[in-house]
């Protein structure tokens, strides 16, 4: 027993590796983390099994204390638990802008623990996918709970937009590979631009009229047409569909009730387009600027939030302040039930 460390050192491995334990341990960690993440994804705005998911993550933490993958999985489940159990709440400030109800959010015990776990992870995680995910989720919780100074301090440690890997990859290759990298960066930039436009509409709150919000959402939807010029939006059909449901809300507020239901039909159509694209053997993008972009086959629609059968329950996806007012009015229209029936087909 006394010479085991020397033997391990001689071969340049740990004692666990010497006895073949490491692979078993790593495989078990990967398996339990995958299970936690899969269960967590099922709680897509609705509490399906969040308590069981938290319990599984806590058991994994006891079995693998200090493991960063397990810790991040627990933090992500707690992050999600706050949303599905209590929701995200907003207020309108004195200037008419939308702000988070930070006082309420700070009471979420799940988010308090998640923030603590994320901050602990940032002390040890190296640069890479896990750290990026940690930063993204922590930044959202900082925003939800009004920790703006901590958020800004963390932001100062991050690269600018041109330091993102999608942009840097363009300079790391040439020829066909570079054209593919441009296409990938272009698609992600278009999606990010649409998300920024929608986010700006939310942030502006009452300082934008319903008509101005309608025009903004239409512009966010239309930005995809500049790249997906042949109408093949691929996975982005899902986000476009969600934007159309939001558009229906503001069209209703703007007094354009017929157009509101036209928008709902467009939302359903984009979900069906996604289903057709998803079910094809080799889903690809076909527009000239992006046809070289490779697509990994998505394992299950749950990863995209794509389920047209729950479209009416999810409407309008984002719980904006105007939601309660419009919900009662639009759902009392006979056309609403007719549209709901179409989503079930």
C-alpha atoms as a PDB file:
ATOM      1  CA  UNK A   1       0.000   0.000   0.000  1.00  0.00           C
ATOM      2  CA  UNK A   2       2.863   2.370   0.755  1.00  0.00           C
ATOM      3  CA  UNK A   3       4.289   2.191  -2.782  1.00  0.00           C
ATOM      4  CA  UNK A   4       0.925   2.708  -4.576  1.00  0.00           C
ATOM      5  CA  UNK A   5       1.408   6.530  -4.775  1.00  0.00           C
ATOM      6  CA  UNK A   6       4.867   5.988  -6.261  1.00  0.00           C
ATOM      7  CA  UNK A   7       3.492   3.582  -8.856  1.00  0.00           C
ATOM      8  CA  UNK A   8       0.745   6.021  -9.803  1.00  0.00           C
ATOM      9  CA  UNK A   9       3.314   8.826 -10.051  1.00  0.00           C
ATOM     10  CA  UNK A  10       5.593   6.692 -12.224  1.00  0.00           C
ATOM     11  CA  UNK A  11       2.797   6.150 -14.764  1.00  0.00           C
ATOM     12  CA  UNK A  12       1.597   9.745 -14.534  1.00  0.00           C
ATOM     13  CA  UNK A  13      -1.906   8.878 -13.308  1.00  0.00           C
ATOM     14  CA  UNK A  14      -3.948   9.359 -10.160  1.00  0.00           C
ATOM     15  CA  UNK A  15      -4.492   6.538  -7.692  1.00  0.00           C
ATOM     16  CA  UNK A  16      -8.135   6.354  -8.779  1.00  0.00           C
ATOM     17  CA  UNK A  17      -7.024   5.968 -12.388  1.00  0.00           C
ATOM     18  CA  UNK A  18      -4.493   3.325 -11.394  1.00  0.00           C
ATOM     19  CA  UNK A  19      -7.326   1.202 -10.004  1.00  0.00           C
ATOM     20  CA  UNK A  20      -9.702   2.030 -12.857  1.00  0.00           C
ATOM     21  CA  UNK A  21     -12.046   4.115 -10.727  1.00  0.00           C
ATOM     22  CA  UNK A  22     -11.927   7.403 -12.601  1.00  0.00           C
ATOM     23  CA  UNK A  23     -13.793   6.301 -15.700  1.00  0.00           C
ATOM     24  CA  UNK A  24     -16.554   4.714 -13.637  1.00  0.00           C
ATOM     25  CA  UNK A  25     -16.896   7.887 -11.566  1.00  0.00           C
ATOM     26  CA  UNK A  26     -16.882  10.198 -14.592  1.00  0.00           C
ATOM     27  CA  UNK A  27     -19.384   8.040 -16.434  1.00  0.00           C
ATOM     28  CA  UNK A  28     -21.717   8.090 -13.452  1.00  0.00           C
ATOM     29  CA  UNK A  29     -21.402  11.876 -13.132  1.00  0.00           C
ATOM     30  CA  UNK A  30     -22.120  12.357 -16.841  1.00  0.00           C
ATOM     31  CA  UNK A  31     -25.122  10.039 -16.596  1.00  0.00           C
ATOM     32  CA  UNK A  32     -26.698  11.732 -13.565  1.00  0.00           C
ATOM     33  CA  UNK A  33     -26.042  15.245 -14.944  1.00  0.00           C
ATOM     34  CA  UNK A  34     -27.679  14.280 -18.249  1.00  0.00           C
ATOM     35  CA  UNK A  35     -30.687  12.925 -16.340  1.00  0.00           C
ATOM     36  CA  UNK A  36     -30.999  16.097 -14.245  1.00  0.00           C
ATOM     37  CA  UNK A  37     -30.755  18.331 -17.318  1.00  0.00           C
ATOM     38  CA  UNK A  38     -33.306  16.229 -19.197  1.00  0.00           C
ATOM     39  CA  UNK A  39     -35.795  16.376 -16.326  1.00  0.00           C
ATOM     40  CA  UNK A  40     -35.181  20.099 -15.864  1.00  0.00           C
ATOM     41  CA  UNK A  41     -35.972  20.760 -19.541  1.00  0.00           C
ATOM     42  CA  UNK A  42     -39.384  19.126 -19.083  1.00  0.00           C
ATOM     43  CA  UNK A  43     -40.343  21.978 -16.727  1.00  0.00           C
ATOM     44  CA  UNK A  44     -40.762  24.379 -19.629  1.00  0.00           C
ATOM     45  CA  UNK A  45     -42.694  27.144 -17.871  1.00  0.00           C
ATOM     46  CA  UNK A  46     -44.812  24.596 -15.990  1.00  0.00           C
ATOM     47  CA  UNK A  47     -43.968  22.590 -12.858  1.00  0.00           C
ATOM     48  CA  UNK A  48     -43.862  19.018 -14.151  1.00  0.00           C
ATOM     49  CA  UNK A  49     -41.303  17.420 -11.837  1.00  0.00           C
ATOM     50  CA  UNK A  50     -39.227  20.268 -10.413  1.00  0.00           C
ATOM     51  CA  UNK A  51     -39.214  18.900  -6.843  1.00  0.00           C
ATOM     52  CA  UNK A  52     -38.025  15.485  -8.025  1.00  0.00           C
ATOM     53  CA  UNK A  53     -35.411  17.187 -10.172  1.00  0.00           C
ATOM     54  CA  UNK A  54     -34.094  19.218  -7.224  1.00  0.00           C
ATOM     55  CA  UNK A  55     -34.030  16.064  -5.087  1.00  0.00           C
ATOM     56  CA  UNK A  56     -31.997  14.180  -7.691  1.00  0.00           C
ATOM     57  CA  UNK A  57     -29.530  17.061  -7.994  1.00  0.00           C
ATOM     58  CA  UNK A  58     -29.093  17.271  -4.200  1.00  0.00           C
ATOM     59  CA  UNK A  59     -28.454  13.529  -3.989  1.00  0.00           C
ATOM     60  CA  UNK A  60     -25.811  13.898  -6.702  1.00  0.00           C
ATOM     61  CA  UNK A  61     -24.182  16.727  -4.737  1.00  0.00           C
ATOM     62  CA  UNK A  62     -23.951  14.459  -1.685  1.00  0.00           C
ATOM     63  CA  UNK A  63     -22.408  11.668  -3.744  1.00  0.00           C
ATOM     64  CA  UNK A  64     -20.050  13.935  -5.708  1.00  0.00           C
ATOM     65  CA  UNK A  65     -19.371  16.925  -3.413  1.00  0.00           C
ATOM     66  CA  UNK A  66     -17.627  19.813  -5.122  1.00  0.00           C
ATOM     67  CA  UNK A  67     -18.060  18.442  -8.644  1.00  0.00           C
ATOM     68  CA  UNK A  68     -18.598  21.464 -10.885  1.00  0.00           C
ATOM     69  CA  UNK A  69     -20.908  19.759 -13.396  1.00  0.00           C
ATOM     70  CA  UNK A  70     -23.186  18.500 -10.650  1.00  0.00           C
ATOM     71  CA  UNK A  71     -23.128  21.857  -8.870  1.00  0.00           C
ATOM     72  CA  UNK A  72     -24.041  23.685 -12.076  1.00  0.00           C
ATOM     73  CA  UNK A  73     -26.902  21.268 -12.697  1.00  0.00           C
ATOM     74  CA  UNK A  74     -28.311  21.937  -9.223  1.00  0.00           C
ATOM     75  CA  UNK A  75     -27.946  25.701  -9.729  1.00  0.00           C
ATOM     76  CA  UNK A  76     -29.771  25.489 -13.077  1.00  0.00           C
ATOM     77  CA  UNK A  77     -32.620  23.482 -11.577  1.00  0.00           C
ATOM     78  CA  UNK A  78     -33.006  26.051  -8.788  1.00  0.00           C
ATOM     79  CA  UNK A  79     -32.845  28.825 -11.397  1.00  0.00           C
ATOM     80  CA  UNK A  80     -35.692  27.157 -13.296  1.00  0.00           C
ATOM     81  CA  UNK A  81     -37.632  26.380 -10.101  1.00  0.00           C
ATOM     82  CA  UNK A  82     -38.034  30.075  -9.318  1.00  0.00           C
ATOM     83  CA  UNK A  83     -39.686  30.632 -12.687  1.00  0.00           C
ATOM     84  CA  UNK A  84     -42.041  27.650 -12.685  1.00  0.00           C
ATOM     85  CA  UNK A  85     -43.060  27.960  -9.024  1.00  0.00           C
ATOM     86  CA  UNK A  86     -43.503  31.711  -8.686  1.00  0.00           C
ATOM     87  CA  UNK A  87     -42.952  33.333 -12.078  1.00  0.00           C
ATOM     88  CA  UNK A  88     -41.096  36.437 -13.226  1.00  0.00           C
ATOM     89  CA  UNK A  89     -42.850  39.659 -12.261  1.00  0.00           C
ATOM     90  CA  UNK A  90     -42.580  43.174 -13.642  1.00  0.00           C
ATOM     91  CA  UNK A  91     -43.594  46.681 -12.643  1.00  0.00           C
ATOM     92  CA  UNK A  92     -43.803  50.035 -14.406  1.00  0.00           C
ATOM     93  CA  UNK A  93     -41.579  52.738 -12.942  1.00  0.00           C
ATOM     94  CA  UNK A  94     -42.392  56.437 -12.568  1.00  0.00           C
ATOM     95  CA  UNK A  95     -41.099  57.163 -16.078  1.00  0.00           C
ATOM     96  CA  UNK A  96     -43.247  54.433 -17.655  1.00  0.00           C
ATOM     97  CA  UNK A  97     -40.433  51.923 -18.206  1.00  0.00           C
ATOM     98  CA  UNK A  98     -40.686  48.226 -17.454  1.00  0.00           C
ATOM     99  CA  UNK A  99     -38.659  47.061 -14.430  1.00  0.00           C
ATOM    100  CA  UNK A 100     -38.356  43.770 -12.569  1.00  0.00           C
ATOM    101  CA  UNK A 101     -40.220  43.307  -9.296  1.00  0.00           C
ATOM    102  CA  UNK A 102     -36.909  42.798  -7.520  1.00  0.00           C
ATOM    103  CA  UNK A 103     -38.350  42.964  -4.012  1.00  0.00           C
ATOM    104  CA  UNK A 104     -40.538  39.959  -4.753  1.00  0.00           C
ATOM    105  CA  UNK A 105     -37.810  38.083  -6.623  1.00  0.00           C
ATOM    106  CA  UNK A 106     -35.358  38.463  -3.730  1.00  0.00           C
ATOM    107  CA  UNK A 107     -37.674  36.349  -1.596  1.00  0.00           C
ATOM    108  CA  UNK A 108     -37.280  33.289  -3.824  1.00  0.00           C
ATOM    109  CA  UNK A 109     -35.171  30.888  -1.759  1.00  0.00           C
ATOM    110  CA  UNK A 110     -34.376  28.911  -4.913  1.00  0.00           C
ATOM    111  CA  UNK A 111     -32.844  31.948  -6.595  1.00  0.00           C
ATOM    112  CA  UNK A 112     -30.877  32.893  -3.465  1.00  0.00           C
ATOM    113  CA  UNK A 113     -29.275  29.445  -3.355  1.00  0.00           C
ATOM    114  CA  UNK A 114     -28.716  29.396  -7.112  1.00  0.00           C
ATOM    115  CA  UNK A 115     -26.854  32.729  -6.996  1.00  0.00           C
ATOM    116  CA  UNK A 116     -24.636  31.390  -4.206  1.00  0.00           C
ATOM    117  CA  UNK A 117     -23.815  28.272  -6.244  1.00  0.00           C
ATOM    118  CA  UNK A 118     -23.103  30.231  -9.431  1.00  0.00           C
ATOM    119  CA  UNK A 119     -20.781  32.624  -7.608  1.00  0.00           C
ATOM    120  CA  UNK A 120     -18.932  29.693  -6.073  1.00  0.00           C
ATOM    121  CA  UNK A 121     -18.545  28.080  -9.495  1.00  0.00           C
ATOM    122  CA  UNK A 122     -17.071  31.241 -11.020  1.00  0.00           C
ATOM    123  CA  UNK A 123     -14.152  30.988  -8.578  1.00  0.00           C
ATOM    124  CA  UNK A 124     -13.030  27.641 -10.023  1.00  0.00           C
ATOM    125  CA  UNK A 125     -14.475  27.114 -13.498  1.00  0.00           C
ATOM    126  CA  UNK A 126     -12.004  27.638 -16.363  1.00  0.00           C
ATOM    127  CA  UNK A 127     -12.987  29.359 -19.597  1.00  0.00           C
ATOM    128  CA  UNK A 128     -15.336  27.209 -21.604  1.00  0.00           C
ATOM    129  CA  UNK A 129     -18.955  26.195 -22.086  1.00  0.00           C
ATOM    130  CA  UNK A 130     -19.706  25.538 -18.407  1.00  0.00           C
ATOM    131  CA  UNK A 131     -18.385  28.937 -17.356  1.00  0.00           C
ATOM    132  CA  UNK A 132     -20.316  30.696 -20.120  1.00  0.00           C
ATOM    133  CA  UNK A 133     -23.523  28.982 -19.049  1.00  0.00           C
ATOM    134  CA  UNK A 134     -22.844  29.926 -15.430  1.00  0.00           C
ATOM    135  CA  UNK A 135     -22.346  33.588 -16.383  1.00  0.00           C
ATOM    136  CA  UNK A 136     -25.514  33.693 -18.527  1.00  0.00           C
ATOM    137  CA  UNK A 137     -27.760  32.251 -15.847  1.00  0.00           C
ATOM    138  CA  UNK A 138     -26.189  34.248 -13.026  1.00  0.00           C
ATOM    139  CA  UNK A 139     -26.540  37.486 -15.003  1.00  0.00           C
ATOM    140  CA  UNK A 140     -30.258  36.838 -15.422  1.00  0.00           C
ATOM    141  CA  UNK A 141     -30.691  36.254 -11.688  1.00  0.00           C
ATOM    142  CA  UNK A 142     -28.719  39.406 -10.901  1.00  0.00           C
ATOM    143  CA  UNK A 143     -31.142  41.291 -13.142  1.00  0.00           C
ATOM    144  CA  UNK A 144     -34.193  39.616 -11.611  1.00  0.00           C
ATOM    145  CA  UNK A 145     -33.095  40.483  -8.084  1.00  0.00           C
ATOM    146  CA  UNK A 146     -31.775  43.988  -8.787  1.00  0.00           C
ATOM    147  CA  UNK A 147     -28.084  43.179  -8.202  1.00  0.00           C
ATOM    148  CA  UNK A 148     -27.036  45.600 -10.914  1.00  0.00           C
ATOM    149  CA  UNK A 149     -23.623  46.544  -9.518  1.00  0.00           C
ATOM    150  CA  UNK A 150     -22.608  42.904  -9.169  1.00  0.00           C
ATOM    151  CA  UNK A 151     -23.817  42.295 -12.715  1.00  0.00           C
ATOM    152  CA  UNK A 152     -21.847  45.217 -14.124  1.00  0.00           C
ATOM    153  CA  UNK A 153     -18.748  44.129 -12.235  1.00  0.00           C
ATOM    154  CA  UNK A 154     -18.999  40.658 -13.774  1.00  0.00           C
ATOM    155  CA  UNK A 155     -19.597  42.126 -17.238  1.00  0.00           C
ATOM    156  CA  UNK A 156     -16.280  44.008 -17.066  1.00  0.00           C
ATOM    157  CA  UNK A 157     -14.455  40.649 -16.985  1.00  0.00           C
ATOM    158  CA  UNK A 158     -16.038  39.455 -20.246  1.00  0.00           C
ATOM    159  CA  UNK A 159     -14.921  40.017 -23.868  1.00  0.00           C
ATOM    160  CA  UNK A 160     -16.680  42.390 -26.259  1.00  0.00           C
ATOM    161  CA  UNK A 161     -19.032  41.075 -28.936  1.00  0.00           C
ATOM    162  CA  UNK A 162     -16.144  40.746 -31.375  1.00  0.00           C
ATOM    163  CA  UNK A 163     -14.354  38.518 -28.875  1.00  0.00           C
ATOM    164  CA  UNK A 164     -17.102  35.900 -29.159  1.00  0.00           C
ATOM    165  CA  UNK A 165     -16.055  32.554 -30.591  1.00  0.00           C
ATOM    166  CA  UNK A 166     -18.515  32.875 -33.499  1.00  0.00           C
ATOM    167  CA  UNK A 167     -16.681  35.977 -34.709  1.00  0.00           C
ATOM    168  CA  UNK A 168     -13.198  34.706 -33.932  1.00  0.00           C
ATOM    169  CA  UNK A 169     -13.849  31.442 -35.792  1.00  0.00           C
ATOM    170  CA  UNK A 170     -14.154  33.457 -39.007  1.00  0.00           C
ATOM    171  CA  UNK A 171     -10.526  34.528 -38.643  1.00  0.00           C
ATOM    172  CA  UNK A 172      -9.392  31.027 -37.755  1.00  0.00           C
ATOM    173  CA  UNK A 173     -10.101  29.444 -41.111  1.00  0.00           C
ATOM    174  CA  UNK A 174     -10.304  30.111 -44.844  1.00  0.00           C
ATOM    175  CA  UNK A 175     -12.158  29.116 -47.988  1.00  0.00           C
ATOM    176  CA  UNK A 176     -15.266  26.964 -47.534  1.00  0.00           C
ATOM    177  CA  UNK A 177     -14.736  26.677 -43.786  1.00  0.00           C
ATOM    178  CA  UNK A 178     -14.644  30.457 -43.486  1.00  0.00           C
ATOM    179  CA  UNK A 179     -17.850  30.790 -45.535  1.00  0.00           C
ATOM    180  CA  UNK A 180     -19.489  28.323 -43.157  1.00  0.00           C
ATOM    181  CA  UNK A 181     -18.216  30.296 -40.150  1.00  0.00           C
ATOM    182  CA  UNK A 182     -19.631  33.513 -41.602  1.00  0.00           C
ATOM    183  CA  UNK A 183     -22.998  31.822 -42.087  1.00  0.00           C
ATOM    184  CA  UNK A 184     -23.046  30.508 -38.530  1.00  0.00           C
ATOM    185  CA  UNK A 185     -22.129  33.909 -37.077  1.00  0.00           C
ATOM    186  CA  UNK A 186     -24.713  35.579 -39.302  1.00  0.00           C
ATOM    187  CA  UNK A 187     -27.529  33.294 -38.131  1.00  0.00           C
ATOM    188  CA  UNK A 188     -26.683  33.742 -34.471  1.00  0.00           C
ATOM    189  CA  UNK A 189     -26.364  37.499 -34.907  1.00  0.00           C
ATOM    190  CA  UNK A 190     -29.774  37.710 -36.571  1.00  0.00           C
ATOM    191  CA  UNK A 191     -31.350  35.711 -33.741  1.00  0.00           C
ATOM    192  CA  UNK A 192     -29.590  37.837 -31.134  1.00  0.00           C
ATOM    193  CA  UNK A 193     -30.728  41.014 -32.927  1.00  0.00           C
ATOM    194  CA  UNK A 194     -34.356  39.843 -32.878  1.00  0.00           C
ATOM    195  CA  UNK A 195     -34.078  39.027 -29.175  1.00  0.00           C
ATOM    196  CA  UNK A 196     -32.605  42.480 -28.509  1.00  0.00           C
ATOM    197  CA  UNK A 197     -35.470  44.138 -30.367  1.00  0.00           C
ATOM    198  CA  UNK A 198     -38.068  42.207 -28.360  1.00  0.00           C
ATOM    199  CA  UNK A 199     -36.179  42.955 -25.145  1.00  0.00           C
ATOM    200  CA  UNK A 200     -36.128  46.668 -25.960  1.00  0.00           C
ATOM    201  CA  UNK A 201     -39.906  46.621 -26.444  1.00  0.00           C
ATOM    202  CA  UNK A 202     -40.341  45.044 -23.019  1.00  0.00           C
ATOM    203  CA  UNK A 203     -37.946  47.472 -21.388  1.00  0.00           C
ATOM    204  CA  UNK A 204     -39.654  50.537 -22.862  1.00  0.00           C
ATOM    205  CA  UNK A 205     -42.934  49.551 -21.217  1.00  0.00           C
ATOM    206  CA  UNK A 206     -45.587  52.274 -21.440  1.00  0.00           C
ATOM    207  CA  UNK A 207     -43.271  54.699 -23.246  1.00  0.00           C
ATOM    208  CA  UNK A 208     -44.105  52.825 -26.480  1.00  0.00           C
ATOM    209  CA  UNK A 209     -47.642  52.704 -27.841  1.00  0.00           C
ATOM    210  CA  UNK A 210     -49.218  49.383 -28.914  1.00  0.00           C
ATOM    211  CA  UNK A 211     -48.833  50.493 -32.533  1.00  0.00           C
ATOM    212  CA  UNK A 212     -45.100  51.157 -32.045  1.00  0.00           C
ATOM    213  CA  UNK A 213     -44.685  47.766 -30.374  1.00  0.00           C
ATOM    214  CA  UNK A 214     -46.477  46.097 -33.294  1.00  0.00           C
ATOM    215  CA  UNK A 215     -44.058  47.721 -35.732  1.00  0.00           C
ATOM    216  CA  UNK A 216     -41.097  46.704 -33.569  1.00  0.00           C
ATOM    217  CA  UNK A 217     -42.166  43.064 -33.400  1.00  0.00           C
ATOM    218  CA  UNK A 218     -42.826  42.961 -37.141  1.00  0.00           C
ATOM    219  CA  UNK A 219     -39.316  44.298 -37.698  1.00  0.00           C
ATOM    220  CA  UNK A 220     -37.864  41.630 -35.397  1.00  0.00           C
ATOM    221  CA  UNK A 221     -39.700  38.937 -37.335  1.00  0.00           C
ATOM    222  CA  UNK A 222     -38.697  40.403 -40.678  1.00  0.00           C
ATOM    223  CA  UNK A 223     -34.993  40.481 -39.852  1.00  0.00           C
ATOM    224  CA  UNK A 224     -34.828  36.723 -40.482  1.00  0.00           C
ATOM    225  CA  UNK A 225     -36.000  37.224 -44.069  1.00  0.00           C
ATOM    226  CA  UNK A 226     -32.786  39.063 -44.919  1.00  0.00           C
ATOM    227  CA  UNK A 227     -30.806  35.874 -44.262  1.00  0.00           C
ATOM    228  CA  UNK A 228     -33.334  33.031 -44.672  1.00  0.00           C
ATOM    229  CA  UNK A 229     -34.308  34.418 -48.072  1.00  0.00           C
ATOM    230  CA  UNK A 230     -36.019  31.212 -49.255  1.00  0.00           C
ATOM    231  CA  UNK A 231     -38.362  30.909 -46.266  1.00  0.00           C
ATOM    232  CA  UNK A 232     -36.463  28.024 -44.661  1.00  0.00           C
ATOM    233  CA  UNK A 233     -35.983  29.295 -41.097  1.00  0.00           C
ATOM    234  CA  UNK A 234     -35.021  25.938 -39.575  1.00  0.00           C
ATOM    235  CA  UNK A 235     -34.981  25.942 -35.786  1.00  0.00           C
ATOM    236  CA  UNK A 236     -35.746  29.670 -35.806  1.00  0.00           C
ATOM    237  CA  UNK A 237     -39.328  28.888 -36.836  1.00  0.00           C
ATOM    238  CA  UNK A 238     -40.017  28.304 -33.154  1.00  0.00           C
ATOM    239  CA  UNK A 239     -38.818  31.745 -32.042  1.00  0.00           C
ATOM    240  CA  UNK A 240     -40.625  33.389 -34.959  1.00  0.00           C
ATOM    241  CA  UNK A 241     -43.808  31.562 -33.920  1.00  0.00           C
ATOM    242  CA  UNK A 242     -43.427  32.893 -30.382  1.00  0.00           C
ATOM    243  CA  UNK A 243     -42.988  36.433 -31.700  1.00  0.00           C
ATOM    244  CA  UNK A 244     -46.208  36.097 -33.669  1.00  0.00           C
ATOM    245  CA  UNK A 245     -48.119  35.193 -30.504  1.00  0.00           C
ATOM    246  CA  UNK A 246     -46.708  38.324 -28.864  1.00  0.00           C
ATOM    247  CA  UNK A 247     -47.623  40.309 -31.965  1.00  0.00           C
ATOM    248  CA  UNK A 248     -51.241  39.133 -31.607  1.00  0.00           C
ATOM    249  CA  UNK A 249     -51.404  40.655 -28.122  1.00  0.00           C
ATOM    250  CA  UNK A 250     -50.287  44.116 -29.228  1.00  0.00           C
ATOM    251  CA  UNK A 251     -52.394  44.004 -32.391  1.00  0.00           C
ATOM    252  CA  UNK A 252     -55.395  43.384 -30.140  1.00  0.00           C
ATOM    253  CA  UNK A 253     -54.419  46.318 -27.929  1.00  0.00           C
ATOM    254  CA  UNK A 254     -54.062  48.433 -31.065  1.00  0.00           C
ATOM    255  CA  UNK A 255     -57.668  47.601 -31.987  1.00  0.00           C
ATOM    256  CA  UNK A 256     -56.695  45.386 -34.939  1.00  0.00           C
ATOM    257  CA  UNK A 257     -58.546  42.262 -33.844  1.00  0.00           C
ATOM    258  CA  UNK A 258     -58.688  40.585 -37.263  1.00  0.00           C
ATOM    259  CA  UNK A 259     -54.941  41.002 -37.676  1.00  0.00           C
ATOM    260  CA  UNK A 260     -54.418  39.593 -34.183  1.00  0.00           C
ATOM    261  CA  UNK A 261     -55.962  36.295 -35.255  1.00  0.00           C
ATOM    262  CA  UNK A 262     -54.009  36.377 -38.510  1.00  0.00           C
ATOM    263  CA  UNK A 263     -50.868  36.603 -36.373  1.00  0.00           C
ATOM    264  CA  UNK A 264     -52.001  33.588 -34.329  1.00  0.00           C
ATOM    265  CA  UNK A 265     -52.460  31.621 -37.558  1.00  0.00           C
ATOM    266  CA  UNK A 266     -48.949  32.645 -38.622  1.00  0.00           C
ATOM    267  CA  UNK A 267     -47.619  31.398 -35.286  1.00  0.00           C
ATOM    268  CA  UNK A 268     -49.207  27.987 -35.804  1.00  0.00           C
ATOM    269  CA  UNK A 269     -47.917  27.858 -39.377  1.00  0.00           C
ATOM    270  CA  UNK A 270     -44.333  28.412 -38.239  1.00  0.00           C
ATOM    271  CA  UNK A 271     -44.656  25.626 -35.686  1.00  0.00           C
ATOM    272  CA  UNK A 272     -45.836  23.295 -38.438  1.00  0.00           C
ATOM    273  CA  UNK A 273     -42.956  24.397 -40.657  1.00  0.00           C
ATOM    274  CA  UNK A 274     -40.590  23.540 -37.839  1.00  0.00           C
ATOM    275  CA  UNK A 275     -42.185  20.097 -37.463  1.00  0.00           C
ATOM    276  CA  UNK A 276     -41.733  19.408 -41.174  1.00  0.00           C
ATOM    277  CA  UNK A 277     -38.133  20.570 -41.077  1.00  0.00           C
ATOM    278  CA  UNK A 278     -37.384  18.661 -37.879  1.00  0.00           C
ATOM    279  CA  UNK A 279     -38.840  15.404 -39.170  1.00  0.00           C
ATOM    280  CA  UNK A 280     -36.795  15.427 -42.375  1.00  0.00           C
ATOM    281  CA  UNK A 281     -33.866  13.013 -42.493  1.00  0.00           C
ATOM    282  CA  UNK A 282     -31.238  15.722 -42.948  1.00  0.00           C
ATOM    283  CA  UNK A 283     -32.569  19.112 -41.829  1.00  0.00           C
ATOM    284  CA  UNK A 284     -30.488  21.843 -43.434  1.00  0.00           C
ATOM    285  CA  UNK A 285     -30.575  25.534 -44.225  1.00  0.00           C
ATOM    286  CA  UNK A 286     -30.929  26.221 -47.936  1.00  0.00           C
ATOM    287  CA  UNK A 287     -30.618  30.010 -48.383  1.00  0.00           C
ATOM    288  CA  UNK A 288     -27.358  30.983 -50.184  1.00  0.00           C
ATOM    289  CA  UNK A 289     -25.773  32.843 -47.244  1.00  0.00           C
ATOM    290  CA  UNK A 290     -26.260  30.027 -44.731  1.00  0.00           C
ATOM    291  CA  UNK A 291     -26.521  26.745 -46.661  1.00  0.00           C
ATOM    292  CA  UNK A 292     -23.061  25.673 -45.515  1.00  0.00           C
ATOM    293  CA  UNK A 293     -24.049  25.888 -41.841  1.00  0.00           C
ATOM    294  CA  UNK A 294     -24.044  22.423 -40.306  1.00  0.00           C
ATOM    295  CA  UNK A 295     -26.949  21.395 -38.105  1.00  0.00           C
ATOM    296  CA  UNK A 296     -26.798  18.788 -35.401  1.00  0.00           C
ATOM    297  CA  UNK A 297     -29.962  16.686 -35.218  1.00  0.00           C
ATOM    298  CA  UNK A 298     -31.947  17.890 -32.204  1.00  0.00           C
ATOM    299  CA  UNK A 299     -32.877  15.138 -29.800  1.00  0.00           C
ATOM    300  CA  UNK A 300     -36.533  15.884 -29.113  1.00  0.00           C
ATOM    301  CA  UNK A 301     -38.597  19.022 -29.520  1.00  0.00           C
ATOM    302  CA  UNK A 302     -38.370  19.674 -25.780  1.00  0.00           C
ATOM    303  CA  UNK A 303     -34.944  21.230 -26.369  1.00  0.00           C
ATOM    304  CA  UNK A 304     -36.449  23.924 -28.587  1.00  0.00           C
ATOM    305  CA  UNK A 305     -39.603  24.656 -26.613  1.00  0.00           C
ATOM    306  CA  UNK A 306     -41.504  23.550 -29.716  1.00  0.00           C
ATOM    307  CA  UNK A 307     -44.952  22.132 -29.041  1.00  0.00           C
ATOM    308  CA  UNK A 308     -47.803  23.604 -31.047  1.00  0.00           C
ATOM    309  CA  UNK A 309     -50.385  21.664 -29.025  1.00  0.00           C
ATOM    310  CA  UNK A 310     -49.604  23.837 -25.979  1.00  0.00           C
ATOM    311  CA  UNK A 311     -49.505  27.038 -28.015  1.00  0.00           C
ATOM    312  CA  UNK A 312     -52.757  28.398 -26.578  1.00  0.00           C
ATOM    313  CA  UNK A 313     -51.740  27.617 -22.989  1.00  0.00           C
ATOM    314  CA  UNK A 314     -48.358  29.270 -23.522  1.00  0.00           C
ATOM    315  CA  UNK A 315     -49.819  32.393 -25.189  1.00  0.00           C
ATOM    316  CA  UNK A 316     -48.230  34.887 -25.510  1.00  0.00           C
ATOM    317  CA  UNK A 317     -45.115  33.107 -24.161  1.00  0.00           C
ATOM    318  CA  UNK A 318     -43.808  36.274 -22.515  1.00  0.00           C
ATOM    319  CA  UNK A 319     -45.845  37.421 -19.499  1.00  0.00           C
ATOM    320  CA  UNK A 320     -45.887  41.117 -20.318  1.00  0.00           C
ATOM    321  CA  UNK A 321     -47.829  43.594 -18.106  1.00  0.00           C
ATOM    322  CA  UNK A 322     -50.647  43.811 -20.672  1.00  0.00           C
ATOM    323  CA  UNK A 323     -51.182  40.043 -20.570  1.00  0.00           C
ATOM    324  CA  UNK A 324     -54.007  39.934 -18.004  1.00  0.00           C
ATOM    325  CA  UNK A 325     -56.010  42.665 -19.719  1.00  0.00           C
ATOM    326  CA  UNK A 326     -55.829  41.166 -23.192  1.00  0.00           C
ATOM    327  CA  UNK A 327     -56.197  37.509 -22.173  1.00  0.00           C
ATOM    328  CA  UNK A 328     -59.814  37.827 -21.053  1.00  0.00           C
ATOM    329  CA  UNK A 329     -60.807  39.897 -24.076  1.00  0.00           C
ATOM    330  CA  UNK A 330     -59.161  37.859 -26.813  1.00  0.00           C
ATOM    331  CA  UNK A 331     -60.198  34.501 -25.355  1.00  0.00           C
ATOM    332  CA  UNK A 332     -63.840  35.606 -25.209  1.00  0.00           C
ATOM    333  CA  UNK A 333     -63.797  36.064 -28.989  1.00  0.00           C
ATOM    334  CA  UNK A 334     -65.338  32.987 -30.735  1.00  0.00           C
ATOM    335  CA  UNK A 335     -62.338  32.875 -33.079  1.00  0.00           C
ATOM    336  CA  UNK A 336     -60.073  32.012 -30.144  1.00  0.00           C
ATOM    337  CA  UNK A 337     -61.642  28.609 -29.594  1.00  0.00           C
ATOM    338  CA  UNK A 338     -61.551  27.918 -33.326  1.00  0.00           C
ATOM    339  CA  UNK A 339     -57.837  28.698 -33.308  1.00  0.00           C
ATOM    340  CA  UNK A 340     -57.275  26.496 -30.237  1.00  0.00           C
ATOM    341  CA  UNK A 341     -58.889  23.602 -32.100  1.00  0.00           C
ATOM    342  CA  UNK A 342     -56.460  24.117 -34.981  1.00  0.00           C
ATOM    343  CA  UNK A 343     -53.475  23.904 -32.614  1.00  0.00           C
ATOM    344  CA  UNK A 344     -54.624  20.440 -31.526  1.00  0.00           C
ATOM    345  CA  UNK A 345     -54.738  19.035 -35.057  1.00  0.00           C
END
